[in-house]
Amino acid sequence: MSNEGKIEAILFAAGGPVKLKTLSDVVGLPQEEIVDVVNKLKEYYDRENRGLDIIFFEDKVQMCTNDNYGEIVRQALGLEIKQGLSQAALEVLAIIAYNQPITRAEIERIRGVKSDKAINTLLEYNLIKESGRALSPGRPILYTTTEDFLKYFGIKSLKELPQIEITP
């Protein structure tokens, strides 16, 4: 059995993200070599215009559908296309991404308006999650972004977010 075949089989069967450490432990290669093997698989899929793709984010890797085949997959499986995010939801998402963990009150202070609906939408789309409670009075919920946020925007980690300048 080839290392490429082992990794490909694991990623396909997982149906979700797999930690590089897990692949390293199971296949018996250092994580750096795992990354090299996965990159070779990804290059093969890209070169041959295959229906699959491989994405990296944080310390994980996942097999997914190639974006070029997304529409035909949606048609074949009867998947409905989710409406894009509203301006309010995008604003709240940006505030959370750059200030996490953050409470609803802090989000609303920054935006200057209520944000309940936008937060609920982002929770429904699994772009943000409740990640604990603040130690302040009332112990408000803290929000952070999720792995789905990284996948949605095609980034590997929060470090890839564009730098922003904050002007007073």
N, C-alpha and C. Protein backbone atom coordinates (compact mmCIF):
# COMPACT_ATOMS: atom_id res chain seq x y z
N MET A 1 0.84 -1.19 0.00
CA MET A 1 0.00 0.00 0.00
C MET A 1 0.88 1.25 0.00
N SER A 2 0.50 2.20 -0.85
CA SER A 2 1.27 3.44 -0.92
C SER A 2 0.81 4.41 0.16
N ASN A 3 1.71 5.30 0.54
CA ASN A 3 1.34 6.33 1.52
C ASN A 3 0.25 7.24 0.96
N GLU A 4 0.33 7.53 -0.35
CA GLU A 4 -0.70 8.36 -0.98
C GLU A 4 -2.06 7.68 -0.87
N GLY A 5 -2.10 6.38 -1.16
CA GLY A 5 -3.34 5.63 -1.09
C GLY A 5 -3.89 5.57 0.33
N LYS A 6 -3.01 5.40 1.30
CA LYS A 6 -3.45 5.35 2.70
C LYS A 6 -4.11 6.68 3.09
N ILE A 7 -3.41 7.76 2.80
CA ILE A 7 -3.91 9.08 3.18
C ILE A 7 -5.19 9.41 2.44
N GLU A 8 -5.22 9.09 1.15
CA GLU A 8 -6.42 9.35 0.35
C GLU A 8 -7.62 8.58 0.91
N ALA A 9 -7.41 7.33 1.27
CA ALA A 9 -8.50 6.51 1.83
C ALA A 9 -8.99 7.08 3.16
N ILE A 10 -8.07 7.50 4.00
CA ILE A 10 -8.45 8.06 5.30
C ILE A 10 -9.25 9.34 5.11
N LEU A 11 -8.76 10.24 4.24
CA LEU A 11 -9.45 11.51 4.02
C LEU A 11 -10.84 11.29 3.42
N PHE A 12 -10.94 10.35 2.49
CA PHE A 12 -12.23 10.07 1.87
C PHE A 12 -13.21 9.51 2.89
N ALA A 13 -12.76 8.55 3.67
CA ALA A 13 -13.64 7.89 4.64
C ALA A 13 -14.03 8.82 5.78
N ALA A 14 -13.15 9.74 6.13
CA ALA A 14 -13.42 10.63 7.27
C ALA A 14 -14.62 11.52 7.00
N GLY A 15 -14.76 12.02 5.80
CA GLY A 15 -15.88 12.89 5.48
C GLY A 15 -15.81 14.24 6.18
N GLY A 16 -14.70 14.53 6.80
CA GLY A 16 -14.50 15.79 7.51
C GLY A 16 -13.01 16.00 7.72
N PRO A 17 -12.66 17.02 8.49
CA PRO A 17 -11.24 17.31 8.69
C PRO A 17 -10.54 16.24 9.52
N VAL A 18 -9.27 16.00 9.20
CA VAL A 18 -8.43 15.05 9.93
C VAL A 18 -7.16 15.79 10.34
N LYS A 19 -6.78 15.64 11.59
CA LYS A 19 -5.57 16.30 12.07
C LYS A 19 -4.34 15.70 11.40
N LEU A 20 -3.37 16.56 11.10
CA LEU A 20 -2.12 16.10 10.51
C LEU A 20 -1.42 15.12 11.46
N LYS A 21 -1.51 15.37 12.75
CA LYS A 21 -0.90 14.47 13.74
C LYS A 21 -1.52 13.08 13.66
N THR A 22 -2.82 13.01 13.47
CA THR A 22 -3.49 11.71 13.36
C THR A 22 -2.98 10.96 12.13
N LEU A 23 -2.90 11.66 10.99
CA LEU A 23 -2.37 11.03 9.78
C LEU A 23 -0.94 10.56 10.00
N SER A 24 -0.15 11.40 10.65
CA SER A 24 1.24 11.06 10.93
C SER A 24 1.34 9.80 11.79
N ASP A 25 0.54 9.74 12.84
CA ASP A 25 0.56 8.58 13.74
C ASP A 25 0.13 7.31 13.03
N VAL A 26 -0.93 7.40 12.22
CA VAL A 26 -1.49 6.21 11.58
C VAL A 26 -0.62 5.73 10.42
N VAL A 27 -0.16 6.67 9.59
CA VAL A 27 0.63 6.29 8.41
C VAL A 27 2.09 6.02 8.78
N GLY A 28 2.55 6.62 9.87
CA GLY A 28 3.92 6.37 10.31
C GLY A 28 4.95 7.27 9.65
N LEU A 29 4.53 8.46 9.24
CA LEU A 29 5.45 9.43 8.64
C LEU A 29 5.44 10.70 9.48
N PRO A 30 6.54 11.45 9.49
CA PRO A 30 6.53 12.75 10.17
C PRO A 30 5.50 13.68 9.51
N GLN A 31 4.99 14.62 10.29
CA GLN A 31 3.96 15.52 9.77
C GLN A 31 4.42 16.27 8.51
N GLU A 32 5.70 16.63 8.46
CA GLU A 32 6.21 17.35 7.28
C GLU A 32 6.06 16.49 6.02
N GLU A 33 6.33 15.19 6.15
CA GLU A 33 6.18 14.28 5.01
C GLU A 33 4.71 14.07 4.66
N ILE A 34 3.86 14.05 5.68
CA ILE A 34 2.41 13.93 5.44
C ILE A 34 1.97 15.12 4.58
N VAL A 35 2.41 16.33 4.94
CA VAL A 35 2.06 17.53 4.18
C VAL A 35 2.54 17.40 2.74
N ASP A 36 3.75 16.88 2.55
CA ASP A 36 4.29 16.69 1.19
C ASP A 36 3.42 15.72 0.39
N VAL A 37 3.04 14.60 1.00
CA VAL A 37 2.21 13.60 0.31
C VAL A 37 0.85 14.20 -0.03
N VAL A 38 0.25 14.91 0.92
CA VAL A 38 -1.06 15.51 0.68
C VAL A 38 -0.96 16.56 -0.43
N ASN A 39 0.11 17.35 -0.44
CA ASN A 39 0.30 18.34 -1.51
C ASN A 39 0.44 17.66 -2.87
N LYS A 40 1.10 16.51 -2.93
CA LYS A 40 1.22 15.77 -4.20
C LYS A 40 -0.16 15.29 -4.66
N LEU A 41 -0.97 14.79 -3.72
CA LEU A 41 -2.34 14.38 -4.08
C LEU A 41 -3.13 15.58 -4.59
N LYS A 42 -3.02 16.70 -3.90
CA LYS A 42 -3.73 17.91 -4.31
C LYS A 42 -3.29 18.35 -5.71
N GLU A 43 -2.00 18.34 -5.96
CA GLU A 43 -1.47 18.71 -7.28
C GLU A 43 -2.01 17.78 -8.35
N TYR A 44 -2.09 16.47 -8.05
CA TYR A 44 -2.64 15.50 -9.00
C TYR A 44 -4.10 15.83 -9.31
N TYR A 45 -4.90 16.07 -8.26
CA TYR A 45 -6.31 16.41 -8.47
C TYR A 45 -6.45 17.67 -9.32
N ASP A 46 -5.62 18.67 -9.03
CA ASP A 46 -5.67 19.93 -9.79
C ASP A 46 -5.25 19.72 -11.24
N ARG A 47 -4.15 19.02 -11.45
CA ARG A 47 -3.60 18.80 -12.79
C ARG A 47 -4.58 18.01 -13.67
N GLU A 48 -5.23 17.02 -13.08
CA GLU A 48 -6.14 16.16 -13.83
C GLU A 48 -7.58 16.68 -13.83
N ASN A 49 -7.79 17.85 -13.21
CA ASN A 49 -9.12 18.46 -13.11
C ASN A 49 -10.13 17.45 -12.54
N ARG A 50 -9.73 16.81 -11.44
CA ARG A 50 -10.58 15.81 -10.80
C ARG A 50 -11.74 16.48 -10.06
N GLY A 51 -12.71 15.70 -9.68
CA GLY A 51 -13.87 16.21 -8.98
C GLY A 51 -13.62 16.45 -7.50
N LEU A 52 -12.46 16.04 -7.03
CA LEU A 52 -12.12 16.20 -5.62
C LEU A 52 -11.02 17.25 -5.45
N ASP A 53 -10.95 17.78 -4.26
CA ASP A 53 -9.91 18.73 -3.90
C ASP A 53 -9.52 18.44 -2.46
N ILE A 54 -8.39 18.95 -2.05
CA ILE A 54 -7.95 18.81 -0.67
C ILE A 54 -7.64 20.20 -0.16
N ILE A 55 -8.14 20.49 1.05
CA ILE A 55 -7.88 21.80 1.64
C ILE A 55 -7.20 21.63 2.99
N PHE A 56 -6.32 22.57 3.29
CA PHE A 56 -5.65 22.64 4.58
C PHE A 56 -6.27 23.79 5.36
N PHE A 57 -6.42 23.63 6.66
CA PHE A 57 -6.76 24.73 7.54
C PHE A 57 -6.30 24.36 8.93
N GLU A 58 -5.68 25.35 9.57
CA GLU A 58 -5.06 25.15 10.86
C GLU A 58 -4.18 23.91 10.80
N ASP A 59 -4.36 22.96 11.69
CA ASP A 59 -3.53 21.75 11.72
C ASP A 59 -4.27 20.54 11.16
N LYS A 60 -5.21 20.82 10.23
CA LYS A 60 -6.06 19.76 9.69
C LYS A 60 -6.05 19.78 8.16
N VAL A 61 -6.51 18.67 7.61
CA VAL A 61 -6.65 18.55 6.16
C VAL A 61 -7.98 17.85 5.89
N GLN A 62 -8.62 18.21 4.77
CA GLN A 62 -9.92 17.63 4.45
C GLN A 62 -10.06 17.44 2.95
N MET A 63 -10.68 16.34 2.56
CA MET A 63 -11.03 16.11 1.17
C MET A 63 -12.41 16.70 0.94
N CYS A 64 -12.60 17.38 -0.17
CA CYS A 64 -13.89 18.00 -0.46
C CYS A 64 -14.11 18.00 -1.98
N THR A 65 -15.27 18.49 -2.38
CA THR A 65 -15.59 18.59 -3.79
C THR A 65 -14.85 19.77 -4.42
N ASN A 66 -14.33 19.57 -5.60
CA ASN A 66 -13.71 20.65 -6.36
C ASN A 66 -14.78 21.69 -6.66
N ASP A 67 -14.47 22.96 -6.40
CA ASP A 67 -15.44 24.05 -6.62
C ASP A 67 -16.01 24.03 -8.04
N ASN A 68 -15.22 23.62 -9.01
CA ASN A 68 -15.68 23.60 -10.40
C ASN A 68 -16.85 22.65 -10.63
N TYR A 69 -17.02 21.68 -9.73
CA TYR A 69 -18.09 20.69 -9.87
C TYR A 69 -19.23 20.93 -8.88
N GLY A 70 -19.17 22.03 -8.16
CA GLY A 70 -20.15 22.32 -7.12
C GLY A 70 -21.58 22.36 -7.62
N GLU A 71 -21.82 23.02 -8.74
CA GLU A 71 -23.19 23.17 -9.25
C GLU A 71 -23.78 21.83 -9.65
N ILE A 72 -23.02 21.00 -10.32
CA ILE A 72 -23.55 19.70 -10.75
C ILE A 72 -23.82 18.79 -9.55
N VAL A 73 -23.00 18.90 -8.51
CA VAL A 73 -23.22 18.12 -7.29
C VAL A 73 -24.50 18.60 -6.61
N ARG A 74 -24.69 19.92 -6.52
CA ARG A 74 -25.92 20.46 -5.91
C ARG A 74 -27.15 19.96 -6.66
N GLN A 75 -27.09 19.97 -8.00
CA GLN A 75 -28.22 19.50 -8.80
C GLN A 75 -28.48 18.01 -8.56
N ALA A 76 -27.42 17.22 -8.59
CA ALA A 76 -27.57 15.77 -8.46
C ALA A 76 -28.10 15.37 -7.09
N LEU A 77 -27.70 16.10 -6.06
CA LEU A 77 -28.10 15.74 -4.70
C LEU A 77 -29.28 16.56 -4.19
N GLY A 78 -29.78 17.47 -5.02
CA GLY A 78 -30.92 18.29 -4.63
C GLY A 78 -30.61 19.22 -3.48
N LEU A 79 -29.39 19.71 -3.42
CA LEU A 79 -29.01 20.60 -2.34
C LEU A 79 -29.44 22.02 -2.67
N GLU A 80 -30.05 22.68 -1.68
CA GLU A 80 -30.45 24.06 -1.91
C GLU A 80 -29.26 24.98 -1.66
N ILE A 81 -29.22 26.04 -2.40
CA ILE A 81 -28.14 27.00 -2.24
C ILE A 81 -28.55 27.97 -1.15
N LYS A 82 -27.71 28.08 -0.12
CA LYS A 82 -28.02 29.02 0.96
C LYS A 82 -27.80 30.43 0.45
N GLN A 83 -28.70 31.28 0.85
CA GLN A 83 -28.58 32.68 0.49
C GLN A 83 -27.31 33.23 1.11
N GLY A 84 -26.68 34.17 0.42
CA GLY A 84 -25.47 34.78 0.93
C GLY A 84 -25.73 35.51 2.23
N LEU A 85 -24.67 35.88 2.89
CA LEU A 85 -24.78 36.59 4.17
C LEU A 85 -25.17 38.04 3.94
N SER A 86 -26.00 38.55 4.83
CA SER A 86 -26.41 39.96 4.76
C SER A 86 -25.24 40.85 5.15
N GLN A 87 -25.37 42.12 4.86
CA GLN A 87 -24.34 43.09 5.24
C GLN A 87 -24.14 43.08 6.75
N ALA A 88 -25.24 43.03 7.50
CA ALA A 88 -25.16 43.01 8.96
C ALA A 88 -24.41 41.77 9.45
N ALA A 89 -24.72 40.61 8.86
CA ALA A 89 -24.04 39.38 9.27
C ALA A 89 -22.56 39.45 8.95
N LEU A 90 -22.21 40.01 7.80
CA LEU A 90 -20.80 40.15 7.45
C LEU A 90 -20.08 41.10 8.41
N GLU A 91 -20.75 42.17 8.80
CA GLU A 91 -20.15 43.11 9.77
C GLU A 91 -19.89 42.40 11.09
N VAL A 92 -20.89 41.68 11.58
CA VAL A 92 -20.74 40.98 12.85
C VAL A 92 -19.65 39.93 12.75
N LEU A 93 -19.62 39.20 11.64
CA LEU A 93 -18.60 38.18 11.44
C LEU A 93 -17.20 38.78 11.45
N ALA A 94 -17.03 39.91 10.80
CA ALA A 94 -15.72 40.58 10.79
C ALA A 94 -15.34 41.02 12.20
N ILE A 95 -16.29 41.57 12.94
CA ILE A 95 -16.02 42.01 14.31
C ILE A 95 -15.58 40.82 15.16
N ILE A 96 -16.27 39.70 15.03
CA ILE A 96 -15.92 38.51 15.80
C ILE A 96 -14.55 37.99 15.38
N ALA A 97 -14.31 37.91 14.08
CA ALA A 97 -13.04 37.36 13.58
C ALA A 97 -11.84 38.15 14.10
N TYR A 98 -11.97 39.45 14.14
CA TYR A 98 -10.84 40.29 14.54
C TYR A 98 -10.76 40.54 16.04
N ASN A 99 -11.81 40.23 16.79
CA ASN A 99 -11.83 40.55 18.22
C ASN A 99 -12.13 39.35 19.11
N GLN A 100 -12.11 38.15 18.59
CA GLN A 100 -12.52 37.00 19.37
C GLN A 100 -11.55 36.67 20.49
N PRO A 101 -12.08 36.14 21.59
CA PRO A 101 -13.49 35.95 21.90
C PRO A 101 -14.14 37.28 22.27
N ILE A 102 -15.43 37.40 21.94
CA ILE A 102 -16.13 38.67 22.14
C ILE A 102 -17.57 38.40 22.52
N THR A 103 -18.14 39.28 23.33
CA THR A 103 -19.53 39.13 23.77
C THR A 103 -20.47 39.88 22.83
N ARG A 104 -21.74 39.54 22.92
CA ARG A 104 -22.78 40.22 22.13
C ARG A 104 -22.78 41.72 22.43
N ALA A 105 -22.66 42.08 23.72
CA ALA A 105 -22.67 43.50 24.10
C ALA A 105 -21.50 44.25 23.47
N GLU A 106 -20.33 43.61 23.42
CA GLU A 106 -19.16 44.26 22.80
C GLU A 106 -19.38 44.42 21.29
N ILE A 107 -19.98 43.42 20.66
CA ILE A 107 -20.28 43.50 19.22
C ILE A 107 -21.22 44.68 18.97
N GLU A 108 -22.28 44.76 19.78
CA GLU A 108 -23.28 45.82 19.61
C GLU A 108 -22.70 47.20 19.92
N ARG A 109 -21.75 47.27 20.86
CA ARG A 109 -21.09 48.54 21.15
C ARG A 109 -20.28 49.00 19.93
N ILE A 110 -19.59 48.07 19.29
CA ILE A 110 -18.79 48.40 18.11
C ILE A 110 -19.69 48.81 16.94
N ARG A 111 -20.76 48.04 16.71
CA ARG A 111 -21.66 48.33 15.58
C ARG A 111 -22.60 49.49 15.85
N GLY A 112 -22.97 49.67 17.11
CA GLY A 112 -23.92 50.71 17.46
C GLY A 112 -25.37 50.33 17.26
N VAL A 113 -25.63 49.07 16.95
CA VAL A 113 -27.00 48.58 16.77
C VAL A 113 -27.11 47.15 17.29
N LYS A 114 -28.35 46.71 17.53
CA LYS A 114 -28.60 45.33 17.96
C LYS A 114 -28.06 44.36 16.91
N SER A 115 -27.61 43.21 17.36
CA SER A 115 -27.01 42.25 16.44
C SER A 115 -27.54 40.83 16.62
N ASP A 116 -28.68 40.69 17.31
CA ASP A 116 -29.24 39.37 17.60
C ASP A 116 -29.45 38.53 16.34
N LYS A 117 -30.11 39.11 15.35
CA LYS A 117 -30.44 38.35 14.14
C LYS A 117 -29.18 37.90 13.41
N ALA A 118 -28.22 38.81 13.27
CA ALA A 118 -26.98 38.47 12.58
C ALA A 118 -26.23 37.36 13.32
N ILE A 119 -26.16 37.46 14.64
CA ILE A 119 -25.47 36.43 15.43
C ILE A 119 -26.18 35.09 15.27
N ASN A 120 -27.51 35.08 15.31
CA ASN A 120 -28.25 33.83 15.14
C ASN A 120 -28.03 33.22 13.76
N THR A 121 -27.97 34.06 12.73
CA THR A 121 -27.69 33.57 11.37
C THR A 121 -26.31 32.93 11.31
N LEU A 122 -25.33 33.60 11.88
CA LEU A 122 -23.96 33.08 11.86
C LEU A 122 -23.84 31.78 12.65
N LEU A 123 -24.57 31.67 13.74
CA LEU A 123 -24.60 30.42 14.50
C LEU A 123 -25.25 29.30 13.67
N GLU A 124 -26.35 29.64 12.98
CA GLU A 124 -27.06 28.67 12.15
C GLU A 124 -26.17 28.15 11.02
N TYR A 125 -25.38 29.03 10.42
CA TYR A 125 -24.47 28.64 9.33
C TYR A 125 -23.18 28.03 9.87
N ASN A 126 -23.06 27.95 11.19
CA ASN A 126 -21.88 27.40 11.86
C ASN A 126 -20.59 28.16 11.51
N LEU A 127 -20.72 29.45 11.30
CA LEU A 127 -19.55 30.28 11.05
C LEU A 127 -18.97 30.83 12.35
N ILE A 128 -19.81 30.87 13.39
CA ILE A 128 -19.36 31.24 14.73
C ILE A 128 -19.90 30.22 15.71
N LYS A 129 -19.33 30.24 16.92
CA LYS A 129 -19.81 29.33 17.96
C LYS A 129 -19.70 30.01 19.31
N GLU A 130 -20.46 29.49 20.26
CA GLU A 130 -20.34 29.92 21.64
C GLU A 130 -19.11 29.21 22.20
N SER A 131 -18.21 29.99 22.78
CA SER A 131 -16.95 29.38 23.22
C SER A 131 -16.65 29.64 24.69
N GLY A 132 -17.69 29.75 25.47
CA GLY A 132 -17.48 29.96 26.90
C GLY A 132 -18.22 31.18 27.37
N ARG A 133 -17.88 31.61 28.57
CA ARG A 133 -18.53 32.76 29.17
C ARG A 133 -17.48 33.70 29.73
N ALA A 134 -17.75 35.00 29.61
CA ALA A 134 -16.86 36.01 30.15
C ALA A 134 -16.94 36.02 31.67
N LEU A 135 -15.92 36.49 32.32
CA LEU A 135 -15.90 36.55 33.77
C LEU A 135 -16.56 37.82 34.32
N SER A 136 -17.12 38.62 33.45
CA SER A 136 -17.77 39.86 33.85
C SER A 136 -19.18 39.57 34.41
N PRO A 137 -19.79 40.58 35.04
CA PRO A 137 -21.13 40.36 35.62
C PRO A 137 -22.13 39.83 34.59
N GLY A 138 -22.92 38.86 35.04
CA GLY A 138 -23.90 38.24 34.16
C GLY A 138 -23.32 37.11 33.34
N ARG A 139 -21.99 36.98 33.36
CA ARG A 139 -21.29 35.92 32.62
C ARG A 139 -21.81 35.77 31.18
N PRO A 140 -21.67 36.84 30.35
CA PRO A 140 -22.17 36.78 28.98
C PRO A 140 -21.42 35.76 28.12
N ILE A 141 -22.10 35.26 27.12
CA ILE A 141 -21.53 34.27 26.19
C ILE A 141 -20.44 34.93 25.35
N LEU A 142 -19.35 34.20 25.15
CA LEU A 142 -18.27 34.63 24.27
C LEU A 142 -18.43 33.92 22.92
N TYR A 143 -18.18 34.64 21.84
CA TYR A 143 -18.28 34.09 20.49
C TYR A 143 -16.92 34.07 19.81
N THR A 144 -16.66 33.01 19.07
CA THR A 144 -15.46 32.88 18.24
C THR A 144 -15.87 32.29 16.89
N THR A 145 -14.97 32.35 15.93
CA THR A 145 -15.23 31.75 14.62
C THR A 145 -14.97 30.25 14.69
N THR A 146 -15.43 29.54 13.67
CA THR A 146 -15.32 28.08 13.61
C THR A 146 -14.40 27.65 12.46
N GLU A 147 -14.17 26.34 12.36
CA GLU A 147 -13.45 25.80 11.21
C GLU A 147 -14.22 26.06 9.92
N ASP A 148 -15.56 26.03 10.00
CA ASP A 148 -16.36 26.31 8.81
C ASP A 148 -16.12 27.74 8.32
N PHE A 149 -15.86 28.67 9.23
CA PHE A 149 -15.51 30.04 8.84
C PHE A 149 -14.25 30.02 7.98
N LEU A 150 -13.24 29.28 8.42
CA LEU A 150 -11.99 29.20 7.65
C LEU A 150 -12.26 28.61 6.26
N LYS A 151 -13.04 27.53 6.23
CA LYS A 151 -13.35 26.89 4.94
C LYS A 151 -14.16 27.81 4.04
N TYR A 152 -15.15 28.48 4.61
CA TYR A 152 -16.03 29.37 3.85
C TYR A 152 -15.23 30.46 3.14
N PHE A 153 -14.22 30.98 3.82
CA PHE A 153 -13.42 32.06 3.25
C PHE A 153 -12.11 31.57 2.63
N GLY A 154 -11.90 30.26 2.62
CA GLY A 154 -10.74 29.68 1.95
C GLY A 154 -9.41 30.07 2.57
N ILE A 155 -9.37 30.15 3.89
CA ILE A 155 -8.11 30.47 4.56
C ILE A 155 -7.73 29.33 5.50
N LYS A 156 -6.44 29.22 5.77
CA LYS A 156 -5.95 28.12 6.60
C LYS A 156 -5.98 28.46 8.08
N SER A 157 -5.82 29.73 8.41
CA SER A 157 -5.84 30.14 9.81
C SER A 157 -6.22 31.61 9.91
N LEU A 158 -6.53 32.05 11.10
CA LEU A 158 -6.90 33.45 11.32
C LEU A 158 -5.74 34.39 11.01
N LYS A 159 -4.53 33.87 11.03
CA LYS A 159 -3.35 34.70 10.71
C LYS A 159 -3.40 35.20 9.27
N GLU A 160 -4.18 34.55 8.42
CA GLU A 160 -4.30 34.96 7.02
C GLU A 160 -5.32 36.05 6.80
N LEU A 161 -6.03 36.45 7.84
CA LEU A 161 -6.98 37.57 7.68
C LEU A 161 -6.21 38.82 7.29
N PRO A 162 -6.76 39.63 6.42
CA PRO A 162 -6.07 40.86 6.03
C PRO A 162 -5.88 41.77 7.25
N GLN A 163 -4.76 42.44 7.28
CA GLN A 163 -4.51 43.41 8.35
C GLN A 163 -5.43 44.60 8.13
N ILE A 164 -5.97 45.14 9.21
CA ILE A 164 -6.84 46.30 9.09
C ILE A 164 -6.25 47.45 9.89
N GLU A 165 -6.49 48.64 9.39
CA GLU A 165 -6.06 49.83 10.11
C GLU A 165 -7.27 50.40 10.82
N ILE A 166 -7.12 50.64 12.10
CA ILE A 166 -8.22 51.21 12.88
C ILE A 166 -7.89 52.68 13.10
N THR A 167 -8.79 53.53 12.59
CA THR A 167 -8.58 54.96 12.76
C THR A 167 -9.54 55.49 13.81
N PRO A 168 -9.06 56.37 14.68
CA PRO A 168 -9.93 56.89 15.75
C PRO A 168 -11.02 57.78 15.23
